[in-house]
């Protein structure tokens, strides 16, 4: 199983929760440094709690399941939200 498949598998564990709130997430890129770049979709892209969802839910699920991943960022979140 390649890195993208492993990340997708990790996302499947939290996707039902995202979809329950009208959102979702897609993998845009995995860099050679192990950074996963995600796009927040639906309500996840505009929800004021999306930063917490990214850090507490999505990032934790991916990094726990795929140790090679060093960081998870959302490409469509404001830069200051990711500090």
C-alpha atoms as a PDB file:
ATOM      1  CA  UNK A   1       0.000   0.000   0.000  1.00  0.00           C
ATOM      2  CA  UNK A   2       1.469   3.365  -0.992  1.00  0.00           C
ATOM      3  CA  UNK A   3       1.508   6.510   1.138  1.00  0.00           C
ATOM      4  CA  UNK A   4      -1.569   8.039  -0.513  1.00  0.00           C
ATOM      5  CA  UNK A   5      -3.580   4.871   0.089  1.00  0.00           C
ATOM      6  CA  UNK A   6      -2.481   4.820   3.732  1.00  0.00           C
ATOM      7  CA  UNK A   7      -3.518   8.452   4.202  1.00  0.00           C
ATOM      8  CA  UNK A   8      -6.878   7.810   2.490  1.00  0.00           C
ATOM      9  CA  UNK A   9      -7.432   4.812   4.761  1.00  0.00           C
ATOM     10  CA  UNK A  10      -6.751   6.988   7.822  1.00  0.00           C
ATOM     11  CA  UNK A  11      -9.169   9.626   6.524  1.00  0.00           C
ATOM     12  CA  UNK A  12     -11.886   7.003   6.128  1.00  0.00           C
ATOM     13  CA  UNK A  13     -11.878   6.582   9.921  1.00  0.00           C
ATOM     14  CA  UNK A  14     -12.956  10.197  10.461  1.00  0.00           C
ATOM     15  CA  UNK A  15     -14.838  10.912   7.231  1.00  0.00           C
ATOM     16  CA  UNK A  16     -18.235   9.872   8.677  1.00  0.00           C
ATOM     17  CA  UNK A  17     -17.893  12.609  11.309  1.00  0.00           C
ATOM     18  CA  UNK A  18     -16.966  15.222   8.705  1.00  0.00           C
ATOM     19  CA  UNK A  19     -19.856  14.192   6.460  1.00  0.00           C
ATOM     20  CA  UNK A  20     -22.284  14.276   9.385  1.00  0.00           C
ATOM     21  CA  UNK A  21     -21.549  18.008   9.611  1.00  0.00           C
ATOM     22  CA  UNK A  22     -21.810  18.531   5.849  1.00  0.00           C
ATOM     23  CA  UNK A  23     -18.076  18.526   5.151  1.00  0.00           C
ATOM     24  CA  UNK A  24     -15.332  16.360   3.729  1.00  0.00           C
ATOM     25  CA  UNK A  25     -11.659  16.492   2.868  1.00  0.00           C
ATOM     26  CA  UNK A  26      -9.563  15.522  -0.151  1.00  0.00           C
ATOM     27  CA  UNK A  27      -5.853  14.788  -0.445  1.00  0.00           C
ATOM     28  CA  UNK A  28      -4.263  17.311  -2.801  1.00  0.00           C
ATOM     29  CA  UNK A  29      -0.609  16.294  -2.440  1.00  0.00           C
ATOM     30  CA  UNK A  30       1.877  14.422  -0.293  1.00  0.00           C
ATOM     31  CA  UNK A  31       5.293  16.054  -0.531  1.00  0.00           C
ATOM     32  CA  UNK A  32       8.632  14.256  -0.452  1.00  0.00           C
ATOM     33  CA  UNK A  33       9.102  15.698   3.062  1.00  0.00           C
ATOM     34  CA  UNK A  34       6.011  13.833   4.285  1.00  0.00           C
ATOM     35  CA  UNK A  35       3.649  16.822   4.347  1.00  0.00           C
ATOM     36  CA  UNK A  36       0.037  15.993   3.515  1.00  0.00           C
ATOM     37  CA  UNK A  37      -1.772  18.860   1.787  1.00  0.00           C
ATOM     38  CA  UNK A  38      -5.530  18.600   2.147  1.00  0.00           C
ATOM     39  CA  UNK A  39      -8.449  20.549   0.780  1.00  0.00           C
ATOM     40  CA  UNK A  40     -11.337  21.112   3.171  1.00  0.00           C
ATOM     41  CA  UNK A  41     -14.645  20.636   1.389  1.00  0.00           C
ATOM     42  CA  UNK A  42     -18.232  21.670   2.082  1.00  0.00           C
ATOM     43  CA  UNK A  43     -18.875  23.021   5.569  1.00  0.00           C
ATOM     44  CA  UNK A  44     -15.319  22.115   6.637  1.00  0.00           C
ATOM     45  CA  UNK A  45     -14.003  24.872   4.385  1.00  0.00           C
ATOM     46  CA  UNK A  46     -16.044  27.609   6.052  1.00  0.00           C
ATOM     47  CA  UNK A  47     -16.619  26.333   9.593  1.00  0.00           C
ATOM     48  CA  UNK A  48     -15.018  28.481  12.315  1.00  0.00           C
ATOM     49  CA  UNK A  49     -14.005  25.242  14.069  1.00  0.00           C
ATOM     50  CA  UNK A  50     -12.173  23.886  11.010  1.00  0.00           C
ATOM     51  CA  UNK A  51      -8.762  24.623  12.564  1.00  0.00           C
ATOM     52  CA  UNK A  52      -9.649  22.458  15.573  1.00  0.00           C
ATOM     53  CA  UNK A  53     -11.008  19.745  13.279  1.00  0.00           C
ATOM     54  CA  UNK A  54      -7.734  19.820  11.328  1.00  0.00           C
ATOM     55  CA  UNK A  55      -5.476  19.612  14.390  1.00  0.00           C
ATOM     56  CA  UNK A  56      -7.502  17.415  16.733  1.00  0.00           C
ATOM     57  CA  UNK A  57      -9.150  15.100  14.258  1.00  0.00           C
ATOM     58  CA  UNK A  58      -7.674  14.916  10.797  1.00  0.00           C
ATOM     59  CA  UNK A  59      -4.002  15.501  11.639  1.00  0.00           C
ATOM     60  CA  UNK A  60      -4.066  13.097  14.603  1.00  0.00           C
ATOM     61  CA  UNK A  61      -5.757  10.335  12.598  1.00  0.00           C
ATOM     62  CA  UNK A  62      -3.284  10.603   9.718  1.00  0.00           C
ATOM     63  CA  UNK A  63      -0.120  10.906  11.819  1.00  0.00           C
ATOM     64  CA  UNK A  64      -1.136   8.009  14.075  1.00  0.00           C
ATOM     65  CA  UNK A  65      -1.873   5.716  11.131  1.00  0.00           C
ATOM     66  CA  UNK A  66       1.009   6.808   8.879  1.00  0.00           C
ATOM     67  CA  UNK A  67       4.192   7.529  10.892  1.00  0.00           C
ATOM     68  CA  UNK A  68       6.050   8.726   7.767  1.00  0.00           C
ATOM     69  CA  UNK A  69       3.846  11.832   7.688  1.00  0.00           C
ATOM     70  CA  UNK A  70       5.519  14.840   9.340  1.00  0.00           C
ATOM     71  CA  UNK A  71       2.761  17.437   9.010  1.00  0.00           C
ATOM     72  CA  UNK A  72      -0.796  17.988   7.757  1.00  0.00           C
ATOM     73  CA  UNK A  73      -1.930  21.307   6.289  1.00  0.00           C
ATOM     74  CA  UNK A  74      -5.080  22.546   4.597  1.00  0.00           C
ATOM     75  CA  UNK A  75      -4.359  24.353   1.347  1.00  0.00           C
ATOM     76  CA  UNK A  76      -7.581  26.355   1.493  1.00  0.00           C
ATOM     77  CA  UNK A  77      -7.337  27.587   5.083  1.00  0.00           C
ATOM     78  CA  UNK A  78      -6.016  31.064   5.812  1.00  0.00           C
ATOM     79  CA  UNK A  79      -2.292  30.933   6.615  1.00  0.00           C
ATOM     80  CA  UNK A  80      -2.711  32.570  10.028  1.00  0.00           C
ATOM     81  CA  UNK A  81      -5.137  29.778  10.991  1.00  0.00           C
ATOM     82  CA  UNK A  82      -2.346  27.229  10.655  1.00  0.00           C
ATOM     83  CA  UNK A  83       0.139  28.823  13.050  1.00  0.00           C
END
